[in-house]
């Protein structure tokens, strides 16, 4: 998708709000605990994506985690 290409192009410059929107499209509404936005995933193992706000941009490792989860989701469908 277009969103994934945008994330891959520059994972160091992704707005946190944009990453949240993409996660909501794929994984539904998050559970929010303080500054943490926790998304459930449909597979066994580490079943969550845990995103934490750190200013305007998302942390690069969180962008990579989201991309990995989206890829795994697409492989399973």
PDB file of N, CA and C in Angstrom:
ATOM      1  N   UNK A   1       0.822  -1.192   0.000  1.00  0.00           N
ATOM      2  CA  UNK A   1       0.000   0.000   0.000  1.00  0.00           C
ATOM      3  C   UNK A   1       0.861   1.248   0.000  1.00  0.00           C
ATOM      4  N   UNK A   2       0.237   2.338  -0.271  1.00  0.00           N
ATOM      5  CA  UNK A   2       0.921   3.624  -0.319  1.00  0.00           C
ATOM      6  C   UNK A   2       1.527   3.983   1.039  1.00  0.00           C
ATOM      7  N   UNK A   3       0.805   3.685   2.113  1.00  0.00           N
ATOM      8  CA  UNK A   3       1.289   4.011   3.457  1.00  0.00           C
ATOM      9  C   UNK A   3       2.589   3.281   3.775  1.00  0.00           C
ATOM     10  N   UNK A   4       2.656   2.012   3.394  1.00  0.00           N
ATOM     11  CA  UNK A   4       3.858   1.220   3.660  1.00  0.00           C
ATOM     12  C   UNK A   4       5.059   1.777   2.908  1.00  0.00           C
ATOM     13  N   UNK A   5       4.850   2.175   1.663  1.00  0.00           N
ATOM     14  CA  UNK A   5       5.937   2.735   0.869  1.00  0.00           C
ATOM     15  C   UNK A   5       6.458   4.009   1.510  1.00  0.00           C
ATOM     16  N   UNK A   6       5.552   4.794   2.035  1.00  0.00           N
ATOM     17  CA  UNK A   6       5.935   6.042   2.702  1.00  0.00           C
ATOM     18  C   UNK A   6       6.771   5.747   3.953  1.00  0.00           C
ATOM     19  N   UNK A   7       6.384   4.726   4.701  1.00  0.00           N
ATOM     20  CA  UNK A   7       7.134   4.349   5.899  1.00  0.00           C
ATOM     21  C   UNK A   7       8.516   3.815   5.541  1.00  0.00           C
ATOM     22  N   UNK A   8       8.564   2.994   4.511  1.00  0.00           N
ATOM     23  CA  UNK A   8       9.833   2.411   4.095  1.00  0.00           C
ATOM     24  C   UNK A   8      10.789   3.463   3.550  1.00  0.00           C
ATOM     25  N   UNK A   9      10.245   4.476   2.897  1.00  0.00           N
ATOM     26  CA  UNK A   9      11.081   5.502   2.282  1.00  0.00           C
ATOM     27  C   UNK A   9      11.911   6.246   3.314  1.00  0.00           C
ATOM     28  N   UNK A  10      11.329   6.527   4.469  1.00  0.00           N
ATOM     29  CA  UNK A  10      12.069   7.270   5.482  1.00  0.00           C
ATOM     30  C   UNK A  10      11.525   6.962   6.874  1.00  0.00           C
ATOM     31  N   UNK A  11      11.916   5.833   7.478  1.00  0.00           N
ATOM     32  CA  UNK A  11      11.387   5.467   8.794  1.00  0.00           C
ATOM     33  C   UNK A  11      11.816   6.408   9.909  1.00  0.00           C
ATOM     34  N   UNK A  12      12.803   7.260   9.652  1.00  0.00           N
ATOM     35  CA  UNK A  12      13.249   8.208  10.673  1.00  0.00           C
ATOM     36  C   UNK A  12      12.429   9.490  10.681  1.00  0.00           C
ATOM     37  N   UNK A  13      11.532   9.639   9.722  1.00  0.00           N
ATOM     38  CA  UNK A  13      10.762  10.871   9.635  1.00  0.00           C
ATOM     39  C   UNK A  13       9.284  10.565   9.403  1.00  0.00           C
ATOM     40  N   UNK A  14       8.686   9.813  10.327  1.00  0.00           N
ATOM     41  CA  UNK A  14       7.273   9.458  10.241  1.00  0.00           C
ATOM     42  C   UNK A  14       6.560  10.103  11.422  1.00  0.00           C
ATOM     43  N   UNK A  15       5.532  10.846  11.126  1.00  0.00           N
ATOM     44  CA  UNK A  15       4.779  11.484  12.199  1.00  0.00           C
ATOM     45  C   UNK A  15       4.061  10.420  13.023  1.00  0.00           C
ATOM     46  N   UNK A  16       4.055  10.594  14.339  1.00  0.00           N
ATOM     47  CA  UNK A  16       3.425   9.643  15.239  1.00  0.00           C
ATOM     48  C   UNK A  16       1.938   9.491  14.900  1.00  0.00           C
ATOM     49  N   UNK A  17       1.271  10.603  14.610  1.00  0.00           N
ATOM     50  CA  UNK A  17      -0.160  10.563  14.277  1.00  0.00           C
ATOM     51  C   UNK A  17      -0.404   9.730  13.023  1.00  0.00           C
ATOM     52  N   UNK A  18       0.486   9.823  12.032  1.00  0.00           N
ATOM     53  CA  UNK A  18       0.347   9.026  10.813  1.00  0.00           C
ATOM     54  C   UNK A  18       0.532   7.541  11.101  1.00  0.00           C
ATOM     55  N   UNK A  19       1.491   7.217  11.956  1.00  0.00           N
ATOM     56  CA  UNK A  19       1.720   5.816  12.322  1.00  0.00           C
ATOM     57  C   UNK A  19       0.514   5.249  13.069  1.00  0.00           C
ATOM     58  N   UNK A  20      -0.077   6.049  13.949  1.00  0.00           N
ATOM     59  CA  UNK A  20      -1.285   5.611  14.657  1.00  0.00           C
ATOM     60  C   UNK A  20      -2.429   5.337  13.688  1.00  0.00           C
ATOM     61  N   UNK A  21      -2.601   6.211  12.719  1.00  0.00           N
ATOM     62  CA  UNK A  21      -3.669   6.040  11.729  1.00  0.00           C
ATOM     63  C   UNK A  21      -3.485   4.744  10.946  1.00  0.00           C
ATOM     64  N   UNK A  22      -2.263   4.475  10.526  1.00  0.00           N
ATOM     65  CA  UNK A  22      -1.976   3.253   9.777  1.00  0.00           C
ATOM     66  C   UNK A  22      -2.249   2.021  10.641  1.00  0.00           C
ATOM     67  N   UNK A  23      -1.814   2.061  11.897  1.00  0.00           N
ATOM     68  CA  UNK A  23      -2.062   0.929  12.802  1.00  0.00           C
ATOM     69  C   UNK A  23      -3.550   0.701  13.011  1.00  0.00           C
ATOM     70  N   UNK A  24      -4.315   1.767  13.120  1.00  0.00           N
ATOM     71  CA  UNK A  24      -5.759   1.618  13.314  1.00  0.00           C
ATOM     72  C   UNK A  24      -6.414   0.994  12.091  1.00  0.00           C
ATOM     73  N   UNK A  25      -5.910   1.302  10.898  1.00  0.00           N
ATOM     74  CA  UNK A  25      -6.451   0.695   9.683  1.00  0.00           C
ATOM     75  C   UNK A  25      -6.245  -0.819   9.672  1.00  0.00           C
ATOM     76  N   UNK A  26      -5.091  -1.257  10.126  1.00  0.00           N
ATOM     77  CA  UNK A  26      -4.749  -2.678  10.080  1.00  0.00           C
ATOM     78  C   UNK A  26      -5.163  -3.454  11.329  1.00  0.00           C
ATOM     79  N   UNK A  27      -5.091  -2.829  12.508  1.00  0.00           N
ATOM     80  CA  UNK A  27      -5.245  -3.576  13.754  1.00  0.00           C
ATOM     81  C   UNK A  27      -6.387  -3.097  14.647  1.00  0.00           C
ATOM     82  N   UNK A  28      -7.123  -2.074  14.225  1.00  0.00           N
ATOM     83  CA  UNK A  28      -8.257  -1.611  15.010  1.00  0.00           C
ATOM     84  C   UNK A  28      -7.869  -0.579  16.057  1.00  0.00           C
ATOM     85  N   UNK A  29      -8.784  -0.337  16.954  1.00  0.00           N
ATOM     86  CA  UNK A  29      -8.611   0.692  17.972  1.00  0.00           C
ATOM     87  C   UNK A  29      -7.612   0.242  19.041  1.00  0.00           C
ATOM     88  N   UNK A  30      -6.720   1.126  19.456  1.00  0.00           N
ATOM     89  CA  UNK A  30      -5.730   0.739  20.469  1.00  0.00           C
ATOM     90  C   UNK A  30      -6.277   0.869  21.885  1.00  0.00           C
ATOM     91  N   UNK A  31      -5.621   0.169  22.775  1.00  0.00           N
ATOM     92  CA  UNK A  31      -5.832   0.395  24.209  1.00  0.00           C
ATOM     93  C   UNK A  31      -4.781   1.424  24.587  1.00  0.00           C
ATOM     94  N   UNK A  32      -5.188   2.455  25.301  1.00  0.00           N
ATOM     95  CA  UNK A  32      -4.258   3.526  25.645  1.00  0.00           C
ATOM     96  C   UNK A  32      -3.997   3.500  27.140  1.00  0.00           C
ATOM     97  N   UNK A  33      -2.714   3.479  27.473  1.00  0.00           N
ATOM     98  CA  UNK A  33      -2.286   3.486  28.865  1.00  0.00           C
ATOM     99  C   UNK A  33      -1.211   4.556  29.007  1.00  0.00           C
ATOM    100  N   UNK A  34      -1.591   5.713  29.513  1.00  0.00           N
ATOM    101  CA  UNK A  34      -0.656   6.836  29.586  1.00  0.00           C
ATOM    102  C   UNK A  34      -0.316   7.301  28.192  1.00  0.00           C
ATOM    103  N   UNK A  35       0.977   7.302  27.849  1.00  0.00           N
ATOM    104  CA  UNK A  35       1.393   7.719  26.509  1.00  0.00           C
ATOM    105  C   UNK A  35       1.555   6.525  25.564  1.00  0.00           C
ATOM    106  N   UNK A  36       1.229   5.320  26.034  1.00  0.00           N
ATOM    107  CA  UNK A  36       1.363   4.105  25.230  1.00  0.00           C
ATOM    108  C   UNK A  36       0.062   3.795  24.503  1.00  0.00           C
ATOM    109  N   UNK A  37       0.178   3.491  23.222  1.00  0.00           N
ATOM    110  CA  UNK A  37      -0.944   3.044  22.402  1.00  0.00           C
ATOM    111  C   UNK A  37      -0.648   1.593  22.047  1.00  0.00           C
ATOM    112  N   UNK A  38      -1.479   0.677  22.539  1.00  0.00           N
ATOM    113  CA  UNK A  38      -1.194  -0.745  22.418  1.00  0.00           C
ATOM    114  C   UNK A  38      -2.219  -1.387  21.483  1.00  0.00           C
ATOM    115  N   UNK A  39      -1.727  -1.961  20.391  1.00  0.00           N
ATOM    116  CA  UNK A  39      -2.568  -2.605  19.390  1.00  0.00           C
ATOM    117  C   UNK A  39      -2.410  -4.114  19.498  1.00  0.00           C
ATOM    118  N   UNK A  40      -3.532  -4.836  19.503  1.00  0.00           N
ATOM    119  CA  UNK A  40      -3.496  -6.299  19.483  1.00  0.00           C
ATOM    120  C   UNK A  40      -3.292  -6.774  18.056  1.00  0.00           C
ATOM    121  N   UNK A  41      -2.584  -7.887  17.916  1.00  0.00           N
ATOM    122  CA  UNK A  41      -2.404  -8.521  16.615  1.00  0.00           C
ATOM    123  C   UNK A  41      -3.040  -9.908  16.662  1.00  0.00           C
ATOM    124  N   UNK A  42      -3.427 -10.453  15.499  1.00  0.00           N
ATOM    125  CA  UNK A  42      -4.194 -11.705  15.498  1.00  0.00           C
ATOM    126  C   UNK A  42      -3.390 -12.982  15.612  1.00  0.00           C
ATOM    127  N   UNK A  43      -2.092 -12.921  15.885  1.00  0.00           N
ATOM    128  CA  UNK A  43      -1.300 -14.147  15.947  1.00  0.00           C
ATOM    129  C   UNK A  43      -0.752 -14.396  17.345  1.00  0.00           C
ATOM    130  N   UNK A  44      -0.298 -15.630  17.554  1.00  0.00           N
ATOM    131  CA  UNK A  44       0.297 -16.033  18.825  1.00  0.00           C
ATOM    132  C   UNK A  44       1.701 -15.449  18.944  1.00  0.00           C
ATOM    133  N   UNK A  45       2.238 -15.523  20.120  1.00  0.00           N
ATOM    134  CA  UNK A  45       3.570 -14.963  20.341  1.00  0.00           C
ATOM    135  C   UNK A  45       3.427 -13.565  20.898  1.00  0.00           C
ATOM    136  N   UNK A  46       4.285 -12.672  20.461  1.00  0.00           N
ATOM    137  CA  UNK A  46       4.185 -11.299  20.938  1.00  0.00           C
ATOM    138  C   UNK A  46       2.974 -10.663  20.271  1.00  0.00           C
ATOM    139  N   UNK A  47       1.867 -10.590  20.981  1.00  0.00           N
ATOM    140  CA  UNK A  47       0.600 -10.204  20.335  1.00  0.00           C
ATOM    141  C   UNK A  47       0.331  -8.710  20.291  1.00  0.00           C
ATOM    142  N   UNK A  48       1.338  -7.878  20.565  1.00  0.00           N
ATOM    143  CA  UNK A  48       1.024  -6.456  20.642  1.00  0.00           C
ATOM    144  C   UNK A  48       2.021  -5.605  19.860  1.00  0.00           C
ATOM    145  N   UNK A  49       1.519  -4.456  19.454  1.00  0.00           N
ATOM    146  CA  UNK A  49       2.370  -3.366  18.984  1.00  0.00           C
ATOM    147  C   UNK A  49       2.220  -2.276  20.025  1.00  0.00           C
ATOM    148  N   UNK A  50       3.308  -1.852  20.599  1.00  0.00           N
ATOM    149  CA  UNK A  50       3.277  -0.852  21.656  1.00  0.00           C
ATOM    150  C   UNK A  50       3.964   0.406  21.142  1.00  0.00           C
ATOM    151  N   UNK A  51       3.174   1.439  20.879  1.00  0.00           N
ATOM    152  CA  UNK A  51       3.711   2.689  20.365  1.00  0.00           C
ATOM    153  C   UNK A  51       3.646   3.740  21.461  1.00  0.00           C
ATOM    154  N   UNK A  52       4.731   4.454  21.619  1.00  0.00           N
ATOM    155  CA  UNK A  52       4.783   5.494  22.637  1.00  0.00           C
ATOM    156  C   UNK A  52       5.144   6.819  21.988  1.00  0.00           C
ATOM    157  N   UNK A  53       4.358   7.823  22.301  1.00  0.00           N
ATOM    158  CA  UNK A  53       4.602   9.152  21.756  1.00  0.00           C
ATOM    159  C   UNK A  53       5.910   9.698  22.322  1.00  0.00           C
ATOM    160  N   UNK A  54       6.707  10.265  21.426  1.00  0.00           N
ATOM    161  CA  UNK A  54       7.970  10.884  21.816  1.00  0.00           C
ATOM    162  C   UNK A  54       8.152  12.124  20.945  1.00  0.00           C
ATOM    163  N   UNK A  55       7.354  13.127  21.184  1.00  0.00           N
ATOM    164  CA  UNK A  55       7.378  14.316  20.337  1.00  0.00           C
ATOM    165  C   UNK A  55       6.470  14.128  19.139  1.00  0.00           C
ATOM    166  N   UNK A  56       6.796  14.806  18.048  1.00  0.00           N
ATOM    167  CA  UNK A  56       5.952  14.768  16.852  1.00  0.00           C
ATOM    168  C   UNK A  56       6.157  13.487  16.054  1.00  0.00           C
ATOM    169  N   UNK A  57       7.404  13.038  15.924  1.00  0.00           N
ATOM    170  CA  UNK A  57       7.707  11.872  15.100  1.00  0.00           C
ATOM    171  C   UNK A  57       7.707  10.582  15.914  1.00  0.00           C
ATOM    172  N   UNK A  58       7.405   9.485  15.208  1.00  0.00           N
ATOM    173  CA  UNK A  58       7.460   8.163  15.813  1.00  0.00           C
ATOM    174  C   UNK A  58       8.920   7.725  15.910  1.00  0.00           C
ATOM    175  N   UNK A  59       9.186   6.844  16.835  1.00  0.00           N
ATOM    176  CA  UNK A  59      10.530   6.297  16.978  1.00  0.00           C
ATOM    177  C   UNK A  59      10.784   5.333  15.815  1.00  0.00           C
ATOM    178  N   UNK A  60      11.968   5.382  15.204  1.00  0.00           N
ATOM    179  CA  UNK A  60      12.245   4.534  14.035  1.00  0.00           C
ATOM    180  C   UNK A  60      12.052   3.046  14.291  1.00  0.00           C
ATOM    181  N   UNK A  61      12.397   2.551  15.477  1.00  0.00           N
ATOM    182  CA  UNK A  61      12.215   1.113  15.735  1.00  0.00           C
ATOM    183  C   UNK A  61      10.731   0.759  15.767  1.00  0.00           C
ATOM    184  N   UNK A  62       9.883   1.698  16.182  1.00  0.00           N
ATOM    185  CA  UNK A  62       8.446   1.434  16.189  1.00  0.00           C
ATOM    186  C   UNK A  62       7.914   1.362  14.763  1.00  0.00           C
ATOM    187  N   UNK A  63       8.433   2.203  13.886  1.00  0.00           N
ATOM    188  CA  UNK A  63       8.036   2.159  12.472  1.00  0.00           C
ATOM    189  C   UNK A  63       8.416   0.802  11.884  1.00  0.00           C
ATOM    190  N   UNK A  64       9.624   0.329  12.187  1.00  0.00           N
ATOM    191  CA  UNK A  64      10.062  -0.988  11.686  1.00  0.00           C
ATOM    192  C   UNK A  64       9.180  -2.098  12.247  1.00  0.00           C
ATOM    193  N   UNK A  65       8.806  -2.022  13.527  1.00  0.00           N
ATOM    194  CA  UNK A  65       7.926  -3.031  14.133  1.00  0.00           C
ATOM    195  C   UNK A  65       6.568  -3.058  13.446  1.00  0.00           C
ATOM    196  N   UNK A  66       6.031  -1.890  13.140  1.00  0.00           N
ATOM    197  CA  UNK A  66       4.728  -1.802  12.467  1.00  0.00           C
ATOM    198  C   UNK A  66       4.828  -2.403  11.071  1.00  0.00           C
ATOM    199  N   UNK A  67       5.877  -2.080  10.344  1.00  0.00           N
ATOM    200  CA  UNK A  67       6.049  -2.647   9.004  1.00  0.00           C
ATOM    201  C   UNK A  67       6.140  -4.165   9.042  1.00  0.00           C
ATOM    202  N   UNK A  68       6.880  -4.683  10.029  1.00  0.00           N
ATOM    203  CA  UNK A  68       7.009  -6.136  10.188  1.00  0.00           C
ATOM    204  C   UNK A  68       5.646  -6.770  10.483  1.00  0.00           C
ATOM    205  N   UNK A  69       4.869  -6.133  11.335  1.00  0.00           N
ATOM    206  CA  UNK A  69       3.548  -6.665  11.693  1.00  0.00           C
ATOM    207  C   UNK A  69       2.594  -6.622  10.502  1.00  0.00           C
ATOM    208  N   UNK A  70       2.636  -5.556   9.721  1.00  0.00           N
ATOM    209  CA  UNK A  70       1.773  -5.455   8.538  1.00  0.00           C
ATOM    210  C   UNK A  70       2.147  -6.534   7.533  1.00  0.00           C
ATOM    211  N   UNK A  71       3.428  -6.738   7.331  1.00  0.00           N
ATOM    212  CA  UNK A  71       3.884  -7.781   6.397  1.00  0.00           C
ATOM    213  C   UNK A  71       3.406  -9.159   6.855  1.00  0.00           C
ATOM    214  N   UNK A  72       3.537  -9.443   8.132  1.00  0.00           N
ATOM    215  CA  UNK A  72       3.096 -10.733   8.665  1.00  0.00           C
ATOM    216  C   UNK A  72       1.589 -10.890   8.508  1.00  0.00           C
ATOM    217  N   UNK A  73       0.853  -9.830   8.755  1.00  0.00           N
ATOM    218  CA  UNK A  73      -0.610  -9.858   8.596  1.00  0.00           C
ATOM    219  C   UNK A  73      -0.998 -10.157   7.157  1.00  0.00           C
ATOM    220  N   UNK A  74      -0.316  -9.523   6.217  1.00  0.00           N
ATOM    221  CA  UNK A  74      -0.618  -9.741   4.795  1.00  0.00           C
ATOM    222  C   UNK A  74      -0.255 -11.140   4.342  1.00  0.00           C
ATOM    223  N   UNK A  75       0.800 -11.719   4.919  1.00  0.00           N
ATOM    224  CA  UNK A  75       1.191 -13.084   4.549  1.00  0.00           C
ATOM    225  C   UNK A  75       0.173 -14.107   5.037  1.00  0.00           C
ATOM    226  N   UNK A  76      -0.484 -13.802   6.148  1.00  0.00           N
ATOM    227  CA  UNK A  76      -1.443 -14.738   6.731  1.00  0.00           C
ATOM    228  C   UNK A  76      -2.818 -14.658   6.101  1.00  0.00           C
ATOM    229  N   UNK A  77      -3.087 -13.611   5.327  1.00  0.00           N
ATOM    230  CA  UNK A  77      -4.420 -13.482   4.726  1.00  0.00           C
ATOM    231  C   UNK A  77      -4.422 -13.921   3.302  1.00  0.00           C
TER     232      UNK A  77
END
